[in-house]
């Protein structure tokens, strides 16, 4: 209620343009602005209401800065809007299939819109001329539709991947440079390099090394055969882990 008269002031309407005119829209505008503003900013806007003639220029600048924060609204905020007009008033939201949702990079249909990212998509957006569409800036998404079908390792995808700093092209397509990926048949497994190092460290621990060595011959996996390998082929890997045949059985 404090902010509503400020919104209606003619100088503010001239500065911001296209102010919503129905009572419901104006109330929504005022409530949203109050939520976006800090207590100090709300106090300054209230002062502008009381001293409109002197404070209007500063208030207009402040209100413009506060309203610019709309692009950082969370997707849950968009989902809470059930009116198409109110949804369209938020830069971060779009009305589609009778509901309001947060904008994604695919919402932008031109290169200019994509690069401008007026909706504030968190990861940023990238215009792929190869795909003719706006993709999410995440490394594993920038090559979407650059190749035919489900393939993401074509030359076109490699070219797109090389355009973005921090992305590396490999057997699993475009991935973040901090990731290490391995491909087996039609599946890929990727993890960050620190995680890969930790996994390898687990697999290379002395107990694991000894156990894998003792079981390395599937054709001879009896307890007696493994006990024999303890002091034979597996001596180097097992001498500090198991010290007698009973420990082999336990392991």
Protein backbone atom coordinates (compact mmCIF):
# COMPACT_ATOMS: atom_id res chain seq x y z
CA UNK A 1 0.00 0.00 0.00
CA UNK A 2 2.94 2.35 0.56
CA UNK A 3 4.47 1.66 -2.84
CA UNK A 4 1.28 1.80 -4.90
CA UNK A 5 1.02 5.64 -5.11
CA UNK A 6 4.69 5.79 -6.12
CA UNK A 7 3.98 3.42 -8.99
CA UNK A 8 1.10 5.65 -10.10
CA UNK A 9 3.19 8.84 -10.11
CA UNK A 10 3.45 10.22 -13.66
CA UNK A 11 7.28 10.62 -13.70
CA UNK A 12 7.71 6.97 -12.78
CA UNK A 13 5.29 5.90 -15.50
CA UNK A 14 7.27 7.91 -18.07
CA UNK A 15 10.58 6.41 -16.91
CA UNK A 16 9.65 2.75 -16.71
CA UNK A 17 7.05 2.59 -19.47
CA UNK A 18 4.20 0.12 -19.95
CA UNK A 19 3.13 0.22 -16.30
CA UNK A 20 0.28 -2.24 -15.70
CA UNK A 21 -3.02 -0.43 -15.51
CA UNK A 22 -5.64 -2.72 -13.98
CA UNK A 23 -6.01 -2.59 -10.17
CA UNK A 24 -5.05 -6.25 -9.85
CA UNK A 25 -1.88 -5.77 -11.89
CA UNK A 26 -0.90 -2.66 -9.98
CA UNK A 27 -1.33 -4.42 -6.66
CA UNK A 28 0.79 -7.31 -7.92
CA UNK A 29 3.40 -4.83 -9.17
CA UNK A 30 3.53 -3.10 -5.77
CA UNK A 31 3.70 -6.37 -3.81
CA UNK A 32 6.45 -7.69 -6.03
CA UNK A 33 8.45 -4.48 -5.71
CA UNK A 34 8.11 -4.58 -1.93
CA UNK A 35 9.47 -8.13 -1.91
CA UNK A 36 12.41 -7.20 -4.14
CA UNK A 37 13.38 -4.08 -2.16
CA UNK A 38 15.43 -4.03 1.03
CA UNK A 39 13.99 -2.32 4.16
CA UNK A 40 16.21 0.69 3.48
CA UNK A 41 15.00 0.90 -0.12
CA UNK A 42 11.37 0.67 0.96
CA UNK A 43 12.01 3.52 3.40
CA UNK A 44 13.53 5.64 0.64
CA UNK A 45 10.57 4.98 -1.67
CA UNK A 46 8.18 5.91 1.12
CA UNK A 47 10.04 9.17 1.58
CA UNK A 48 9.72 9.77 -2.15
CA UNK A 49 5.96 9.40 -1.79
CA UNK A 50 5.87 12.06 0.93
CA UNK A 51 8.27 14.41 -0.85
CA UNK A 52 7.39 13.50 -4.40
CA UNK A 53 8.47 16.66 -6.18
CA UNK A 54 11.96 16.77 -4.69
CA UNK A 55 12.62 13.02 -4.47
CA UNK A 56 11.08 11.78 -7.74
CA UNK A 57 14.35 11.57 -9.79
CA UNK A 58 16.16 9.55 -7.12
CA UNK A 59 13.10 7.39 -6.54
CA UNK A 60 12.77 6.63 -10.23
CA UNK A 61 16.38 5.48 -10.41
CA UNK A 62 15.99 3.36 -7.28
CA UNK A 63 12.74 1.81 -8.43
CA UNK A 64 14.30 0.98 -11.78
CA UNK A 65 17.16 -0.82 -10.00
CA UNK A 66 14.77 -2.74 -7.76
CA UNK A 67 12.56 -3.78 -10.66
CA UNK A 68 15.63 -5.00 -12.58
CA UNK A 69 15.92 -7.78 -10.03
CA UNK A 70 12.85 -9.47 -11.47
CA UNK A 71 15.05 -11.49 -13.83
CA UNK A 72 16.53 -13.28 -10.83
CA UNK A 73 13.21 -14.65 -9.61
CA UNK A 74 13.23 -18.37 -8.88
CA UNK A 75 11.29 -20.75 -11.07
CA UNK A 76 9.03 -21.50 -8.08
CA UNK A 77 7.94 -17.84 -8.15
CA UNK A 78 6.88 -18.22 -11.79
CA UNK A 79 4.97 -21.39 -11.03
CA UNK A 80 2.99 -19.54 -8.38
CA UNK A 81 1.50 -17.16 -10.99
CA UNK A 82 -1.80 -18.31 -12.46
CA UNK A 83 -2.51 -15.28 -14.67
CA UNK A 84 -1.10 -14.93 -18.17
CA UNK A 85 -0.78 -11.12 -17.98
CA UNK A 86 1.03 -11.21 -14.65
CA UNK A 87 3.29 -13.98 -15.94
CA UNK A 88 4.22 -11.88 -18.98
CA UNK A 89 5.13 -8.95 -16.71
CA UNK A 90 8.03 -10.92 -15.24
CA UNK A 91 11.16 -11.05 -17.40
CA UNK A 92 12.14 -14.43 -15.95
CA UNK A 93 8.78 -16.10 -16.67
CA UNK A 94 6.80 -17.21 -19.71
CA UNK A 95 3.25 -18.42 -20.27
CA UNK A 96 3.03 -21.75 -22.05
CA UNK A 97 0.43 -24.52 -22.10
CA UNK A 98 -1.86 -22.59 -19.77
CA UNK A 99 0.73 -22.23 -17.01
CA UNK A 100 3.54 -19.92 -15.95
CA UNK A 101 7.07 -21.28 -15.77
CA UNK A 102 10.64 -19.99 -15.65
CA UNK A 103 12.18 -19.12 -18.98
CA UNK A 104 14.77 -21.45 -20.44
CA UNK A 105 17.24 -20.81 -23.24
CA UNK A 106 14.89 -22.53 -25.67
CA UNK A 107 12.46 -19.67 -25.02
CA UNK A 108 14.64 -17.40 -27.15
CA UNK A 109 14.07 -17.70 -30.89
CA UNK A 110 16.76 -15.38 -32.27
CA UNK A 111 20.48 -14.95 -31.69
CA UNK A 112 19.91 -11.46 -30.27
CA UNK A 113 17.39 -12.72 -27.73
CA UNK A 114 19.63 -15.67 -26.85
CA UNK A 115 22.72 -13.56 -26.20
CA UNK A 116 20.69 -10.94 -24.31
CA UNK A 117 19.21 -13.56 -21.94
CA UNK A 118 16.64 -11.10 -20.61
CA UNK A 119 15.08 -13.88 -18.55
CA UNK A 120 18.28 -14.39 -16.56
CA UNK A 121 18.68 -18.13 -17.18
CA UNK A 122 21.19 -19.05 -14.51
CA UNK A 123 23.78 -20.97 -16.55
CA UNK A 124 23.64 -18.48 -19.43
CA UNK A 125 22.63 -19.15 -23.02
CA UNK A 126 24.58 -19.94 -26.19
CA UNK A 127 23.40 -19.49 -29.76
CA UNK A 128 24.36 -22.54 -31.84
CA UNK A 129 24.43 -21.64 -35.52
CA UNK A 130 24.92 -25.33 -36.29
CA UNK A 131 21.63 -26.21 -34.59
CA UNK A 132 19.90 -22.92 -35.35
CA UNK A 133 18.67 -22.62 -31.78
CA UNK A 134 19.50 -21.25 -28.34
CA UNK A 135 21.03 -23.80 -25.96
CA UNK A 136 21.92 -23.78 -22.30
CA UNK A 137 25.55 -22.72 -21.73
CA UNK A 138 26.33 -25.90 -19.75
CA UNK A 139 29.00 -27.91 -21.60
CA UNK A 140 26.83 -31.02 -21.93
CA UNK A 141 23.97 -28.98 -23.43
CA UNK A 142 25.55 -26.47 -25.80
CA UNK A 143 25.79 -29.08 -28.58
CA UNK A 144 22.10 -30.04 -28.44
CA UNK A 145 20.86 -30.80 -31.97
CA UNK A 146 24.21 -29.94 -33.53
CA UNK A 147 24.36 -33.55 -34.77
CA UNK A 148 21.75 -35.71 -36.44
CA UNK A 149 19.72 -38.06 -34.31
CA UNK A 150 21.01 -38.83 -30.82
CA UNK A 151 24.68 -38.57 -31.77
CA UNK A 152 26.59 -35.90 -29.85
CA UNK A 153 30.12 -36.66 -31.09
CA UNK A 154 29.94 -35.36 -34.67
CA UNK A 155 32.34 -32.78 -36.10
CA UNK A 156 29.71 -30.04 -35.75
CA UNK A 157 29.39 -30.75 -32.02
CA UNK A 158 33.16 -30.69 -31.65
CA UNK A 159 33.25 -27.29 -33.34
CA UNK A 160 30.58 -25.86 -31.01
CA UNK A 161 32.29 -27.30 -27.93
CA UNK A 162 35.57 -25.64 -28.87
CA UNK A 163 33.90 -22.23 -28.86
CA UNK A 164 33.17 -22.25 -25.13
CA UNK A 165 35.91 -21.81 -22.54
CA UNK A 166 35.94 -24.52 -19.89
CA UNK A 167 34.49 -27.20 -22.16
CA UNK A 168 36.41 -30.14 -23.63
CA UNK A 169 35.37 -32.52 -26.40
CA UNK A 170 36.02 -36.23 -25.86
CA UNK A 171 34.58 -39.71 -26.41
CA UNK A 172 31.42 -38.76 -24.53
CA UNK A 173 30.89 -35.52 -26.42
CA UNK A 174 31.23 -32.06 -24.90
CA UNK A 175 31.85 -32.04 -21.16
CA UNK A 176 33.19 -29.68 -18.52
CA UNK A 177 36.99 -29.63 -18.59
CA UNK A 178 37.09 -30.70 -14.94
CA UNK A 179 35.33 -33.97 -15.78
CA UNK A 180 36.97 -37.25 -16.71
CA UNK A 181 34.82 -39.55 -18.85
CA UNK A 182 35.05 -43.15 -19.95
CA UNK A 183 32.87 -44.70 -22.66
CA UNK A 184 31.88 -48.35 -22.81
CA UNK A 185 29.64 -49.62 -25.60
CA UNK A 186 26.78 -47.11 -25.72
CA UNK A 187 27.11 -45.71 -22.21
CA UNK A 188 29.32 -43.01 -20.69
CA UNK A 189 30.44 -42.45 -17.14
CA UNK A 190 31.75 -39.03 -16.12
CA UNK A 191 32.90 -37.64 -12.80
CA UNK A 192 35.01 -34.71 -11.72
CA UNK A 193 38.74 -35.33 -11.67
CA UNK A 194 38.90 -35.29 -7.85
CA UNK A 195 36.15 -37.90 -7.70
CA UNK A 196 37.92 -40.03 -10.28
CA UNK A 197 41.11 -39.86 -8.25
CA UNK A 198 39.26 -40.91 -5.11
CA UNK A 199 37.65 -43.84 -6.93
CA UNK A 200 40.99 -45.00 -8.29
CA UNK A 201 42.51 -44.67 -4.83
CA UNK A 202 39.82 -46.97 -3.43
CA UNK A 203 40.34 -49.50 -6.20
CA UNK A 204 44.10 -49.46 -5.66
CA UNK A 205 44.09 -49.96 -1.88
CA UNK A 206 46.29 -52.89 -0.71
CA UNK A 207 43.41 -55.08 0.49
CA UNK A 208 41.57 -54.66 -2.83
CA UNK A 209 44.75 -55.30 -4.82
CA UNK A 210 45.42 -58.52 -2.94
CA UNK A 211 41.84 -59.77 -3.20
CA UNK A 212 41.68 -59.10 -6.93
CA UNK A 213 44.99 -60.86 -7.46
CA UNK A 214 43.88 -63.94 -5.49
CA UNK A 215 40.72 -64.17 -7.64
CA UNK A 216 42.36 -63.34 -10.96
CA UNK A 217 42.00 -66.88 -12.37
CA UNK A 218 38.28 -67.80 -12.57
CA UNK A 219 39.13 -71.33 -13.68
CA UNK A 220 40.96 -71.92 -10.43
CA UNK A 221 39.00 -70.11 -7.73
CA UNK A 222 39.04 -72.75 -5.00
CA UNK A 223 40.22 -71.75 -1.55
CA UNK A 224 43.26 -73.99 -1.91
CA UNK A 225 44.25 -72.32 -5.20
CA UNK A 226 43.96 -68.85 -3.68
CA UNK A 227 45.99 -69.92 -0.65
CA UNK A 228 48.70 -71.16 -3.00
CA UNK A 229 48.73 -67.86 -4.89
CA UNK A 230 49.22 -65.97 -1.61
CA UNK A 231 52.87 -66.96 -1.46
CA UNK A 232 53.25 -67.43 -5.21
CA UNK A 233 51.96 -65.09 -7.94
CA UNK A 234 50.36 -62.72 -5.44
CA UNK A 235 53.17 -62.52 -2.90
CA UNK A 236 54.09 -58.91 -3.73
CA UNK A 237 50.51 -57.69 -3.35
CA UNK A 238 49.46 -59.86 -0.41
CA UNK A 239 52.48 -60.19 1.88
CA UNK A 240 51.52 -57.13 3.92
CA UNK A 241 47.79 -57.93 3.90
CA UNK A 242 47.37 -61.65 4.68
CA UNK A 243 49.95 -63.62 6.62
CA UNK A 244 48.54 -67.17 6.68
CA UNK A 245 46.07 -69.42 4.91
CA UNK A 246 43.35 -68.74 7.48
CA UNK A 247 43.53 -65.02 6.66
CA UNK A 248 43.11 -65.84 2.97
CA UNK A 249 39.86 -67.64 3.80
CA UNK A 250 38.72 -64.70 5.91
CA UNK A 251 39.52 -62.22 3.15
